[in-house]
């Protein structure tokens, strides 16, 4: 029986997603994947969608998350959940760190 997976901080390493945005896959199980994103001030995540539900928490920084055409101004401590298939994008105003969980597991985020 699988009892789970455990990783120490920094074991996976960061990789560029797009300019000014990098991510590290922290840990994953059979149904969820957790990742940390580092977003530099001035970064813009283009509009996209994917079949994965995406739940996040802003650890530090400030950014706008535009989901289905509605803008949410995020500050540290704010959280969100985006349903699969819903278009979304982000505009980053300060260096930021976000933790996000995806379900099902994003195969493209596995190392």
PDB file of N, CA and C in Angstrom:
ATOM      1  N   UNK A   1       0.844  -1.185   0.000  1.00  0.00           N
ATOM      2  CA  UNK A   1       0.000   0.000   0.000  1.00  0.00           C
ATOM      3  C   UNK A   1       0.885   1.243   0.000  1.00  0.00           C
ATOM      4  N   UNK A   2       0.609   2.177  -0.917  1.00  0.00           N
ATOM      5  CA  UNK A   2       1.337   3.442  -0.997  1.00  0.00           C
ATOM      6  C   UNK A   2       0.900   4.330   0.165  1.00  0.00           C
ATOM      7  N   UNK A   3       1.857   4.738   0.999  1.00  0.00           N
ATOM      8  CA  UNK A   3       1.546   5.593   2.151  1.00  0.00           C
ATOM      9  C   UNK A   3       1.730   7.067   1.838  1.00  0.00           C
ATOM     10  N   UNK A   4       2.221   7.420   0.647  1.00  0.00           N
ATOM     11  CA  UNK A   4       2.384   8.817   0.270  1.00  0.00           C
ATOM     12  C   UNK A   4       3.777   9.101  -0.248  1.00  0.00           C
ATOM     13  N   UNK A   5       3.995  10.364  -0.554  1.00  0.00           N
ATOM     14  CA  UNK A   5       5.292  10.819  -1.058  1.00  0.00           C
ATOM     15  C   UNK A   5       5.706  12.037  -0.248  1.00  0.00           C
ATOM     16  N   UNK A   6       7.003  12.151  -0.015  1.00  0.00           N
ATOM     17  CA  UNK A   6       7.522  13.264   0.761  1.00  0.00           C
ATOM     18  C   UNK A   6       8.764  13.797   0.062  1.00  0.00           C
ATOM     19  N   UNK A   7       8.865  15.114  -0.043  1.00  0.00           N
ATOM     20  CA  UNK A   7      10.033  15.737  -0.662  1.00  0.00           C
ATOM     21  C   UNK A   7      10.538  16.848   0.242  1.00  0.00           C
ATOM     22  N   UNK A   8      11.849  17.001   0.300  1.00  0.00           N
ATOM     23  CA  UNK A   8      12.460  18.114   0.999  1.00  0.00           C
ATOM     24  C   UNK A   8      12.485  19.315   0.058  1.00  0.00           C
ATOM     25  N   UNK A   9      12.399  20.517   0.618  1.00  0.00           N
ATOM     26  CA  UNK A   9      12.420  21.751  -0.157  1.00  0.00           C
ATOM     27  C   UNK A   9      13.639  21.780  -1.079  1.00  0.00           C
ATOM     28  N   UNK A  10      13.406  22.172  -2.330  1.00  0.00           N
ATOM     29  CA  UNK A  10      14.479  22.314  -3.295  1.00  0.00           C
ATOM     30  C   UNK A  10      14.920  21.032  -3.987  1.00  0.00           C
ATOM     31  N   UNK A  11      14.305  19.903  -3.680  1.00  0.00           N
ATOM     32  CA  UNK A  11      14.735  18.635  -4.286  1.00  0.00           C
ATOM     33  C   UNK A  11      14.488  18.595  -5.794  1.00  0.00           C
ATOM     34  N   UNK A  12      13.420  19.204  -6.249  1.00  0.00           N
ATOM     35  CA  UNK A  12      13.071  19.137  -7.670  1.00  0.00           C
ATOM     36  C   UNK A  12      13.786  20.199  -8.494  1.00  0.00           C
ATOM     37  N   UNK A  13      13.958  21.399  -7.952  1.00  0.00           N
ATOM     38  CA  UNK A  13      14.560  22.499  -8.689  1.00  0.00           C
ATOM     39  C   UNK A  13      13.523  23.264  -9.503  1.00  0.00           C
ATOM     40  N   UNK A  14      13.813  24.532  -9.752  1.00  0.00           N
ATOM     41  CA  UNK A  14      12.908  25.402 -10.507  1.00  0.00           C
ATOM     42  C   UNK A  14      13.210  25.308 -11.991  1.00  0.00           C
ATOM     43  N   UNK A  15      12.160  25.498 -12.783  1.00  0.00           N
ATOM     44  CA  UNK A  15      12.332  25.554 -14.232  1.00  0.00           C
ATOM     45  C   UNK A  15      11.463  26.684 -14.768  1.00  0.00           C
ATOM     46  N   UNK A  16      11.923  27.292 -15.852  1.00  0.00           N
ATOM     47  CA  UNK A  16      11.184  28.398 -16.457  1.00  0.00           C
ATOM     48  C   UNK A  16       9.894  27.886 -17.076  1.00  0.00           C
ATOM     49  N   UNK A  17       8.819  28.623 -16.842  1.00  0.00           N
ATOM     50  CA  UNK A  17       7.538  28.338 -17.484  1.00  0.00           C
ATOM     51  C   UNK A  17       7.430  29.238 -18.709  1.00  0.00           C
ATOM     52  N   UNK A  18       7.542  30.524 -18.462  1.00  0.00           N
ATOM     53  CA  UNK A  18       7.652  31.548 -19.498  1.00  0.00           C
ATOM     54  C   UNK A  18       8.552  32.631 -18.915  1.00  0.00           C
ATOM     55  N   UNK A  19       8.837  33.667 -19.691  1.00  0.00           N
ATOM     56  CA  UNK A  19       9.692  34.744 -19.204  1.00  0.00           C
ATOM     57  C   UNK A  19       9.162  35.305 -17.887  1.00  0.00           C
ATOM     58  N   UNK A  20      10.020  35.405 -16.885  1.00  0.00           N
ATOM     59  CA  UNK A  20       9.741  35.971 -15.565  1.00  0.00           C
ATOM     60  C   UNK A  20       8.869  35.091 -14.667  1.00  0.00           C
ATOM     61  N   UNK A  21       8.590  33.861 -15.099  1.00  0.00           N
ATOM     62  CA  UNK A  21       7.809  32.939 -14.270  1.00  0.00           C
ATOM     63  C   UNK A  21       8.514  31.581 -14.247  1.00  0.00           C
ATOM     64  N   UNK A  22       8.809  31.098 -13.038  1.00  0.00           N
ATOM     65  CA  UNK A  22       9.404  29.772 -12.890  1.00  0.00           C
ATOM     66  C   UNK A  22       8.586  28.972 -11.885  1.00  0.00           C
ATOM     67  N   UNK A  23       8.744  27.666 -11.942  1.00  0.00           N
ATOM     68  CA  UNK A  23       7.970  26.803 -11.046  1.00  0.00           C
ATOM     69  C   UNK A  23       8.797  25.609 -10.627  1.00  0.00           C
ATOM     70  N   UNK A  24       8.422  25.080  -9.462  1.00  0.00           N
ATOM     71  CA  UNK A  24       8.994  23.842  -8.972  1.00  0.00           C
ATOM     72  C   UNK A  24       7.837  22.935  -8.579  1.00  0.00           C
ATOM     73  N   UNK A  25       7.814  21.725  -9.133  1.00  0.00           N
ATOM     74  CA  UNK A  25       6.834  20.746  -8.691  1.00  0.00           C
ATOM     75  C   UNK A  25       7.280  20.287  -7.311  1.00  0.00           C
ATOM     76  N   UNK A  26       6.414  20.483  -6.313  1.00  0.00           N
ATOM     77  CA  UNK A  26       6.773  20.140  -4.941  1.00  0.00           C
ATOM     78  C   UNK A  26       6.544  18.668  -4.662  1.00  0.00           C
ATOM     79  N   UNK A  27       5.329  18.202  -4.879  1.00  0.00           N
ATOM     80  CA  UNK A  27       4.999  16.809  -4.627  1.00  0.00           C
ATOM     81  C   UNK A  27       3.720  16.478  -5.379  1.00  0.00           C
ATOM     82  N   UNK A  28       3.508  15.212  -5.648  1.00  0.00           N
ATOM     83  CA  UNK A  28       2.257  14.806  -6.290  1.00  0.00           C
ATOM     84  C   UNK A  28       1.879  13.423  -5.792  1.00  0.00           C
ATOM     85  N   UNK A  29       0.598  13.157  -5.888  1.00  0.00           N
ATOM     86  CA  UNK A  29       0.075  11.836  -5.575  1.00  0.00           C
ATOM     87  C   UNK A  29      -0.612  11.295  -6.800  1.00  0.00           C
ATOM     88  N   UNK A  30      -1.565  10.416  -6.601  1.00  0.00           N
ATOM     89  CA  UNK A  30      -2.297   9.852  -7.723  1.00  0.00           C
ATOM     90  C   UNK A  30      -3.314  10.832  -8.307  1.00  0.00           C
ATOM     91  N   UNK A  31      -3.822  11.768  -7.484  1.00  0.00           N
ATOM     92  CA  UNK A  31      -4.914  12.644  -7.919  1.00  0.00           C
ATOM     93  C   UNK A  31      -4.594  14.128  -7.892  1.00  0.00           C
ATOM     94  N   UNK A  32      -3.537  14.539  -7.196  1.00  0.00           N
ATOM     95  CA  UNK A  32      -3.212  15.966  -7.105  1.00  0.00           C
ATOM     96  C   UNK A  32      -1.719  16.194  -7.288  1.00  0.00           C
ATOM     97  N   UNK A  33      -1.384  17.423  -7.692  1.00  0.00           N
ATOM     98  CA  UNK A  33      -0.001  17.849  -7.826  1.00  0.00           C
ATOM     99  C   UNK A  33       0.095  19.241  -7.228  1.00  0.00           C
ATOM    100  N   UNK A  34       1.125  19.488  -6.404  1.00  0.00           N
ATOM    101  CA  UNK A  34       1.336  20.799  -5.803  1.00  0.00           C
ATOM    102  C   UNK A  34       2.619  21.396  -6.351  1.00  0.00           C
ATOM    103  N   UNK A  35       2.560  22.685  -6.713  1.00  0.00           N
ATOM    104  CA  UNK A  35       3.709  23.366  -7.288  1.00  0.00           C
ATOM    105  C   UNK A  35       3.856  24.752  -6.668  1.00  0.00           C
ATOM    106  N   UNK A  36       5.109  25.220  -6.637  1.00  0.00           N
ATOM    107  CA  UNK A  36       5.385  26.591  -6.205  1.00  0.00           C
ATOM    108  C   UNK A  36       5.798  27.392  -7.422  1.00  0.00           C
ATOM    109  N   UNK A  37       5.204  28.565  -7.571  1.00  0.00           N
ATOM    110  CA  UNK A  37       5.514  29.456  -8.679  1.00  0.00           C
ATOM    111  C   UNK A  37       6.187  30.708  -8.144  1.00  0.00           C
ATOM    112  N   UNK A  38       7.249  31.120  -8.806  1.00  0.00           N
ATOM    113  CA  UNK A  38       7.908  32.396  -8.524  1.00  0.00           C
ATOM    114  C   UNK A  38       7.681  33.279  -9.737  1.00  0.00           C
ATOM    115  N   UNK A  39       7.046  34.412  -9.475  1.00  0.00           N
ATOM    116  CA  UNK A  39       6.641  35.314 -10.548  1.00  0.00           C
ATOM    117  C   UNK A  39       7.305  36.668 -10.317  1.00  0.00           C
ATOM    118  N   UNK A  40       8.028  37.153 -11.297  1.00  0.00           N
ATOM    119  CA  UNK A  40       8.716  38.432 -11.174  1.00  0.00           C
ATOM    120  C   UNK A  40       7.777  39.576 -11.527  1.00  0.00           C
ATOM    121  N   UNK A  41       8.015  40.733 -10.880  1.00  0.00           N
ATOM    122  CA  UNK A  41       7.244  41.928 -11.193  1.00  0.00           C
ATOM    123  C   UNK A  41       7.291  42.181 -12.704  1.00  0.00           C
ATOM    124  N   UNK A  42       6.155  42.506 -13.278  1.00  0.00           N
ATOM    125  CA  UNK A  42       6.065  42.759 -14.715  1.00  0.00           C
ATOM    126  C   UNK A  42       5.717  41.530 -15.543  1.00  0.00           C
ATOM    127  N   UNK A  43       5.691  40.362 -14.925  1.00  0.00           N
ATOM    128  CA  UNK A  43       5.336  39.144 -15.663  1.00  0.00           C
ATOM    129  C   UNK A  43       3.861  39.170 -16.055  1.00  0.00           C
ATOM    130  N   UNK A  44       3.569  38.612 -17.200  1.00  0.00           N
ATOM    131  CA  UNK A  44       2.184  38.450 -17.648  1.00  0.00           C
ATOM    132  C   UNK A  44       2.007  37.019 -18.138  1.00  0.00           C
ATOM    133  N   UNK A  45       1.155  36.297 -17.451  1.00  0.00           N
ATOM    134  CA  UNK A  45       0.818  34.939 -17.868  1.00  0.00           C
ATOM    135  C   UNK A  45      -0.302  35.044 -18.893  1.00  0.00           C
ATOM    136  N   UNK A  46      -0.063  34.634 -20.135  1.00  0.00           N
ATOM    137  CA  UNK A  46      -1.097  34.778 -21.168  1.00  0.00           C
ATOM    138  C   UNK A  46      -2.343  33.955 -20.850  1.00  0.00           C
ATOM    139  N   UNK A  47      -3.448  34.384 -21.419  1.00  0.00           N
ATOM    140  CA  UNK A  47      -4.697  33.639 -21.210  1.00  0.00           C
ATOM    141  C   UNK A  47      -4.541  32.219 -21.731  1.00  0.00           C
ATOM    142  N   UNK A  48      -5.029  31.287 -20.931  1.00  0.00           N
ATOM    143  CA  UNK A  48      -4.970  29.869 -21.294  1.00  0.00           C
ATOM    144  C   UNK A  48      -6.036  29.129 -20.504  1.00  0.00           C
ATOM    145  N   UNK A  49      -6.236  27.901 -20.819  1.00  0.00           N
ATOM    146  CA  UNK A  49      -7.103  27.041 -20.022  1.00  0.00           C
ATOM    147  C   UNK A  49      -6.562  25.628 -20.112  1.00  0.00           C
ATOM    148  N   UNK A  50      -6.997  24.799 -19.194  1.00  0.00           N
ATOM    149  CA  UNK A  50      -6.582  23.402 -19.145  1.00  0.00           C
ATOM    150  C   UNK A  50      -7.675  22.624 -18.426  1.00  0.00           C
ATOM    151  N   UNK A  51      -7.696  21.325 -18.556  1.00  0.00           N
ATOM    152  CA  UNK A  51      -8.776  20.538 -17.945  1.00  0.00           C
ATOM    153  C   UNK A  51      -8.638  20.377 -16.428  1.00  0.00           C
ATOM    154  N   UNK A  52      -7.536  20.834 -15.852  1.00  0.00           N
ATOM    155  CA  UNK A  52      -7.266  20.638 -14.432  1.00  0.00           C
ATOM    156  C   UNK A  52      -7.931  21.701 -13.568  1.00  0.00           C
ATOM    157  N   UNK A  53      -8.553  21.284 -12.459  1.00  0.00           N
ATOM    158  CA  UNK A  53      -8.963  22.238 -11.441  1.00  0.00           C
ATOM    159  C   UNK A  53      -7.687  22.770 -10.801  1.00  0.00           C
ATOM    160  N   UNK A  54      -7.667  24.079 -10.513  1.00  0.00           N
ATOM    161  CA  UNK A  54      -6.458  24.747 -10.031  1.00  0.00           C
ATOM    162  C   UNK A  54      -6.814  25.542  -8.783  1.00  0.00           C
ATOM    163  N   UNK A  55      -6.238  25.154  -7.655  1.00  0.00           N
ATOM    164  CA  UNK A  55      -6.473  25.835  -6.388  1.00  0.00           C
ATOM    165  C   UNK A  55      -5.165  26.465  -5.948  1.00  0.00           C
ATOM    166  N   UNK A  56      -5.202  27.755  -5.582  1.00  0.00           N
ATOM    167  CA  UNK A  56      -3.958  28.433  -5.260  1.00  0.00           C
ATOM    168  C   UNK A  56      -4.029  29.309  -4.028  1.00  0.00           C
ATOM    169  N   UNK A  57      -2.830  29.694  -3.566  1.00  0.00           N
ATOM    170  CA  UNK A  57      -2.657  30.550  -2.392  1.00  0.00           C
ATOM    171  C   UNK A  57      -1.483  31.477  -2.665  1.00  0.00           C
ATOM    172  N   UNK A  58      -1.688  32.796  -2.511  1.00  0.00           N
ATOM    173  CA  UNK A  58      -0.613  33.753  -2.734  1.00  0.00           C
ATOM    174  C   UNK A  58       0.163  33.939  -1.432  1.00  0.00           C
ATOM    175  N   UNK A  59       1.410  33.492  -1.435  1.00  0.00           N
ATOM    176  CA  UNK A  59       2.270  33.569  -0.258  1.00  0.00           C
ATOM    177  C   UNK A  59       2.794  34.993  -0.085  1.00  0.00           C
ATOM    178  N   UNK A  60       3.260  35.592  -1.186  1.00  0.00           N
ATOM    179  CA  UNK A  60       3.804  36.947  -1.129  1.00  0.00           C
ATOM    180  C   UNK A  60       3.614  37.630  -2.475  1.00  0.00           C
ATOM    181  N   UNK A  61       3.674  38.964  -2.463  1.00  0.00           N
ATOM    182  CA  UNK A  61       3.571  39.744  -3.685  1.00  0.00           C
ATOM    183  C   UNK A  61       2.177  40.285  -3.916  1.00  0.00           C
ATOM    184  N   UNK A  62       1.960  40.741  -5.142  1.00  0.00           N
ATOM    185  CA  UNK A  62       0.679  41.326  -5.537  1.00  0.00           C
ATOM    186  C   UNK A  62       0.497  41.084  -7.021  1.00  0.00           C
ATOM    187  N   UNK A  63      -0.708  40.639  -7.386  1.00  0.00           N
ATOM    188  CA  UNK A  63      -0.993  40.345  -8.785  1.00  0.00           C
ATOM    189  C   UNK A  63      -2.495  40.369  -9.042  1.00  0.00           C
ATOM    190  N   UNK A  64      -2.868  40.504 -10.296  1.00  0.00           N
ATOM    191  CA  UNK A  64      -4.256  40.354 -10.714  1.00  0.00           C
ATOM    192  C   UNK A  64      -4.396  38.988 -11.364  1.00  0.00           C
ATOM    193  N   UNK A  65      -5.475  38.302 -11.027  1.00  0.00           N
ATOM    194  CA  UNK A  65      -5.839  37.045 -11.669  1.00  0.00           C
ATOM    195  C   UNK A  65      -7.145  37.308 -12.397  1.00  0.00           C
ATOM    196  N   UNK A  66      -7.136  37.127 -13.697  1.00  0.00           N
ATOM    197  CA  UNK A  66      -8.310  37.376 -14.526  1.00  0.00           C
ATOM    198  C   UNK A  66      -8.869  36.020 -14.922  1.00  0.00           C
ATOM    199  N   UNK A  67     -10.063  35.717 -14.408  1.00  0.00           N
ATOM    200  CA  UNK A  67     -10.677  34.406 -14.585  1.00  0.00           C
ATOM    201  C   UNK A  67     -12.031  34.581 -15.256  1.00  0.00           C
ATOM    202  N   UNK A  68     -12.191  33.997 -16.426  1.00  0.00           N
ATOM    203  CA  UNK A  68     -13.457  34.102 -17.129  1.00  0.00           C
ATOM    204  C   UNK A  68     -13.879  35.547 -17.353  1.00  0.00           C
ATOM    205  N   UNK A  69     -12.902  36.453 -17.532  1.00  0.00           N
ATOM    206  CA  UNK A  69     -13.187  37.852 -17.790  1.00  0.00           C
ATOM    207  C   UNK A  69     -13.346  38.701 -16.541  1.00  0.00           C
ATOM    208  N   UNK A  70     -13.323  38.110 -15.357  1.00  0.00           N
ATOM    209  CA  UNK A  70     -13.456  38.860 -14.101  1.00  0.00           C
ATOM    210  C   UNK A  70     -12.086  38.985 -13.440  1.00  0.00           C
ATOM    211  N   UNK A  71     -11.747  40.201 -12.986  1.00  0.00           N
ATOM    212  CA  UNK A  71     -10.436  40.458 -12.388  1.00  0.00           C
ATOM    213  C   UNK A  71     -10.499  40.399 -10.871  1.00  0.00           C
ATOM    214  N   UNK A  72      -9.525  39.678 -10.301  1.00  0.00           N
ATOM    215  CA  UNK A  72      -9.382  39.555  -8.852  1.00  0.00           C
ATOM    216  C   UNK A  72      -8.014  40.102  -8.484  1.00  0.00           C
ATOM    217  N   UNK A  73      -7.979  41.162  -7.650  1.00  0.00           N
ATOM    218  CA  UNK A  73      -6.726  41.735  -7.162  1.00  0.00           C
ATOM    219  C   UNK A  73      -6.273  40.916  -5.959  1.00  0.00           C
ATOM    220  N   UNK A  74      -5.134  40.233  -6.094  1.00  0.00           N
ATOM    221  CA  UNK A  74      -4.669  39.319  -5.056  1.00  0.00           C
ATOM    222  C   UNK A  74      -3.524  39.920  -4.251  1.00  0.00           C
ATOM    223  N   UNK A  75      -3.589  39.695  -2.935  1.00  0.00           N
ATOM    224  CA  UNK A  75      -2.547  40.095  -1.998  1.00  0.00           C
ATOM    225  C   UNK A  75      -2.177  38.874  -1.168  1.00  0.00           C
ATOM    226  N   UNK A  76      -1.053  38.918  -0.434  1.00  0.00           N
ATOM    227  CA  UNK A  76      -0.657  37.764   0.365  1.00  0.00           C
ATOM    228  C   UNK A  76      -1.792  37.277   1.270  1.00  0.00           C
ATOM    229  N   UNK A  77      -1.979  35.960   1.270  1.00  0.00           N
ATOM    230  CA  UNK A  77      -3.031  35.336   2.065  1.00  0.00           C
ATOM    231  C   UNK A  77      -4.295  35.049   1.288  1.00  0.00           C
ATOM    232  N   UNK A  78      -4.426  35.617   0.072  1.00  0.00           N
ATOM    233  CA  UNK A  78      -5.611  35.355  -0.746  1.00  0.00           C
ATOM    234  C   UNK A  78      -5.480  33.994  -1.427  1.00  0.00           C
ATOM    235  N   UNK A  79      -6.623  33.392  -1.711  1.00  0.00           N
ATOM    236  CA  UNK A  79      -6.621  32.076  -2.357  1.00  0.00           C
ATOM    237  C   UNK A  79      -7.691  32.032  -3.442  1.00  0.00           C
ATOM    238  N   UNK A  80      -7.633  31.012  -4.285  1.00  0.00           N
ATOM    239  CA  UNK A  80      -8.550  30.893  -5.414  1.00  0.00           C
ATOM    240  C   UNK A  80      -8.720  29.433  -5.808  1.00  0.00           C
ATOM    241  N   UNK A  81      -9.766  29.193  -6.551  1.00  0.00           N
ATOM    242  CA  UNK A  81      -9.992  27.889  -7.164  1.00  0.00           C
ATOM    243  C   UNK A  81     -10.597  28.149  -8.537  1.00  0.00           C
ATOM    244  N   UNK A  82      -9.941  27.648  -9.568  1.00  0.00           N
ATOM    245  CA  UNK A  82     -10.387  27.836 -10.948  1.00  0.00           C
ATOM    246  C   UNK A  82     -10.810  26.478 -11.490  1.00  0.00           C
ATOM    247  N   UNK A  83     -12.029  26.400 -11.970  1.00  0.00           N
ATOM    248  CA  UNK A  83     -12.535  25.150 -12.532  1.00  0.00           C
ATOM    249  C   UNK A  83     -11.789  24.812 -13.820  1.00  0.00           C
ATOM    250  N   UNK A  84     -11.669  23.539 -14.105  1.00  0.00           N
ATOM    251  CA  UNK A  84     -11.055  23.106 -15.348  1.00  0.00           C
ATOM    252  C   UNK A  84     -11.797  23.666 -16.548  1.00  0.00           C
ATOM    253  N   UNK A  85     -11.050  24.051 -17.578  1.00  0.00           N
ATOM    254  CA  UNK A  85     -11.644  24.544 -18.812  1.00  0.00           C
ATOM    255  C   UNK A  85     -11.981  26.023 -18.826  1.00  0.00           C
ATOM    256  N   UNK A  86     -11.770  26.737 -17.707  1.00  0.00           N
ATOM    257  CA  UNK A  86     -12.100  28.172 -17.643  1.00  0.00           C
ATOM    258  C   UNK A  86     -10.860  28.988 -18.034  1.00  0.00           C
ATOM    259  N   UNK A  87     -10.999  29.890 -19.023  1.00  0.00           N
ATOM    260  CA  UNK A  87      -9.859  30.721 -19.426  1.00  0.00           C
ATOM    261  C   UNK A  87      -9.427  31.633 -18.278  1.00  0.00           C
ATOM    262  N   UNK A  88      -8.093  31.766 -18.108  1.00  0.00           N
ATOM    263  CA  UNK A  88      -7.561  32.644 -17.070  1.00  0.00           C
ATOM    264  C   UNK A  88      -6.176  33.136 -17.470  1.00  0.00           C
ATOM    265  N   UNK A  89      -5.781  34.262 -16.854  1.00  0.00           N
ATOM    266  CA  UNK A  89      -4.467  34.850 -17.085  1.00  0.00           C
ATOM    267  C   UNK A  89      -4.081  35.630 -15.836  1.00  0.00           C
ATOM    268  N   UNK A  90      -2.843  36.113 -15.783  1.00  0.00           N
ATOM    269  CA  UNK A  90      -2.380  36.846 -14.611  1.00  0.00           C
ATOM    270  C   UNK A  90      -1.464  37.987 -15.032  1.00  0.00           C
ATOM    271  N   UNK A  91      -1.503  39.066 -14.230  1.00  0.00           N
ATOM    272  CA  UNK A  91      -0.602  40.204 -14.376  1.00  0.00           C
ATOM    273  C   UNK A  91       0.055  40.398 -13.014  1.00  0.00           C
ATOM    274  N   UNK A  92       1.385  40.385 -12.983  1.00  0.00           N
ATOM    275  CA  UNK A  92       2.128  40.427 -11.730  1.00  0.00           C
ATOM    276  C   UNK A  92       2.702  41.822 -11.514  1.00  0.00           C
ATOM    277  N   UNK A  93       2.413  42.423 -10.345  1.00  0.00           N
ATOM    278  CA  UNK A  93       2.848  43.786 -10.038  1.00  0.00           C
ATOM    279  C   UNK A  93       4.064  43.835  -9.126  1.00  0.00           C
ATOM    280  N   UNK A  94       4.249  42.822  -8.294  1.00  0.00           N
ATOM    281  CA  UNK A  94       5.401  42.727  -7.400  1.00  0.00           C
ATOM    282  C   UNK A  94       5.929  41.299  -7.483  1.00  0.00           C
ATOM    283  N   UNK A  95       7.217  41.122  -7.204  1.00  0.00           N
ATOM    284  CA  UNK A  95       7.740  39.758  -7.119  1.00  0.00           C
ATOM    285  C   UNK A  95       6.810  38.962  -6.210  1.00  0.00           C
ATOM    286  N   UNK A  96       6.397  37.792  -6.659  1.00  0.00           N
ATOM    287  CA  UNK A  96       5.363  37.028  -5.958  1.00  0.00           C
ATOM    288  C   UNK A  96       5.726  35.555  -5.875  1.00  0.00           C
ATOM    289  N   UNK A  97       5.164  34.894  -4.863  1.00  0.00           N
ATOM    290  CA  UNK A  97       5.269  33.446  -4.712  1.00  0.00           C
ATOM    291  C   UNK A  97       3.858  32.908  -4.518  1.00  0.00           C
ATOM    292  N   UNK A  98       3.490  31.920  -5.315  1.00  0.00           N
ATOM    293  CA  UNK A  98       2.169  31.295  -5.210  1.00  0.00           C
ATOM    294  C   UNK A  98       2.343  29.778  -5.129  1.00  0.00           C
ATOM    295  N   UNK A  99       1.497  29.158  -4.324  1.00  0.00           N
ATOM    296  CA  UNK A  99       1.437  27.698  -4.232  1.00  0.00           C
ATOM    297  C   UNK A  99       0.133  27.275  -4.899  1.00  0.00           C
ATOM    298  N   UNK A 100       0.206  26.295  -5.801  1.00  0.00           N
ATOM    299  CA  UNK A 100      -1.001  25.844  -6.480  1.00  0.00           C
ATOM    300  C   UNK A 100      -1.075  24.322  -6.486  1.00  0.00           C
ATOM    301  N   UNK A 101      -2.308  23.846  -6.409  1.00  0.00           N
ATOM    302  CA  UNK A 101      -2.604  22.413  -6.462  1.00  0.00           C
ATOM    303  C   UNK A 101      -3.467  22.164  -7.684  1.00  0.00           C
ATOM    304  N   UNK A 102      -3.106  21.148  -8.461  1.00  0.00           N
ATOM    305  CA  UNK A 102      -3.838  20.799  -9.673  1.00  0.00           C
ATOM    306  C   UNK A 102      -4.413  19.391  -9.536  1.00  0.00           C
ATOM    307  N   UNK A 103      -5.645  19.245 -10.024  1.00  0.00           N
ATOM    308  CA  UNK A 103      -6.281  17.933 -10.050  1.00  0.00           C
ATOM    309  C   UNK A 103      -7.060  17.803 -11.350  1.00  0.00           C
ATOM    310  N   UNK A 104      -6.846  16.732 -12.108  1.00  0.00           N
ATOM    311  CA  UNK A 104      -5.899  15.655 -11.861  1.00  0.00           C
ATOM    312  C   UNK A 104      -4.460  16.146 -12.009  1.00  0.00           C
ATOM    313  N   UNK A 105      -3.522  15.259 -11.772  1.00  0.00           N
ATOM    314  CA  UNK A 105      -2.102  15.574 -11.868  1.00  0.00           C
ATOM    315  C   UNK A 105      -1.777  16.102 -13.263  1.00  0.00           C
ATOM    316  N   UNK A 106      -1.022  17.199 -13.311  1.00  0.00           N
ATOM    317  CA  UNK A 106      -0.555  17.722 -14.600  1.00  0.00           C
ATOM    318  C   UNK A 106       0.692  16.955 -15.002  1.00  0.00           C
ATOM    319  N   UNK A 107       0.543  16.114 -15.985  1.00  0.00           N
ATOM    320  CA  UNK A 107       1.669  15.307 -16.457  1.00  0.00           C
ATOM    321  C   UNK A 107       2.818  16.193 -16.959  1.00  0.00           C
ATOM    322  N   UNK A 108       2.474  17.371 -17.523  1.00  0.00           N
ATOM    323  CA  UNK A 108       3.507  18.265 -18.050  1.00  0.00           C
ATOM    324  C   UNK A 108       4.333  18.913 -16.937  1.00  0.00           C
ATOM    325  N   UNK A 109       3.911  18.810 -15.681  1.00  0.00           N
ATOM    326  CA  UNK A 109       4.656  19.368 -14.564  1.00  0.00           C
ATOM    327  C   UNK A 109       5.497  18.325 -13.838  1.00  0.00           C
ATOM    328  N   UNK A 110       5.445  17.079 -14.277  1.00  0.00           N
ATOM    329  CA  UNK A 110       6.258  16.037 -13.664  1.00  0.00           C
ATOM    330  C   UNK A 110       7.676  16.110 -14.231  1.00  0.00           C
ATOM    331  N   UNK A 111       8.661  15.894 -13.397  1.00  0.00           N
ATOM    332  CA  UNK A 111      10.064  15.958 -13.856  1.00  0.00           C
ATOM    333  C   UNK A 111      10.503  14.603 -14.349  1.00  0.00           C
TER     334      UNK A 111
END
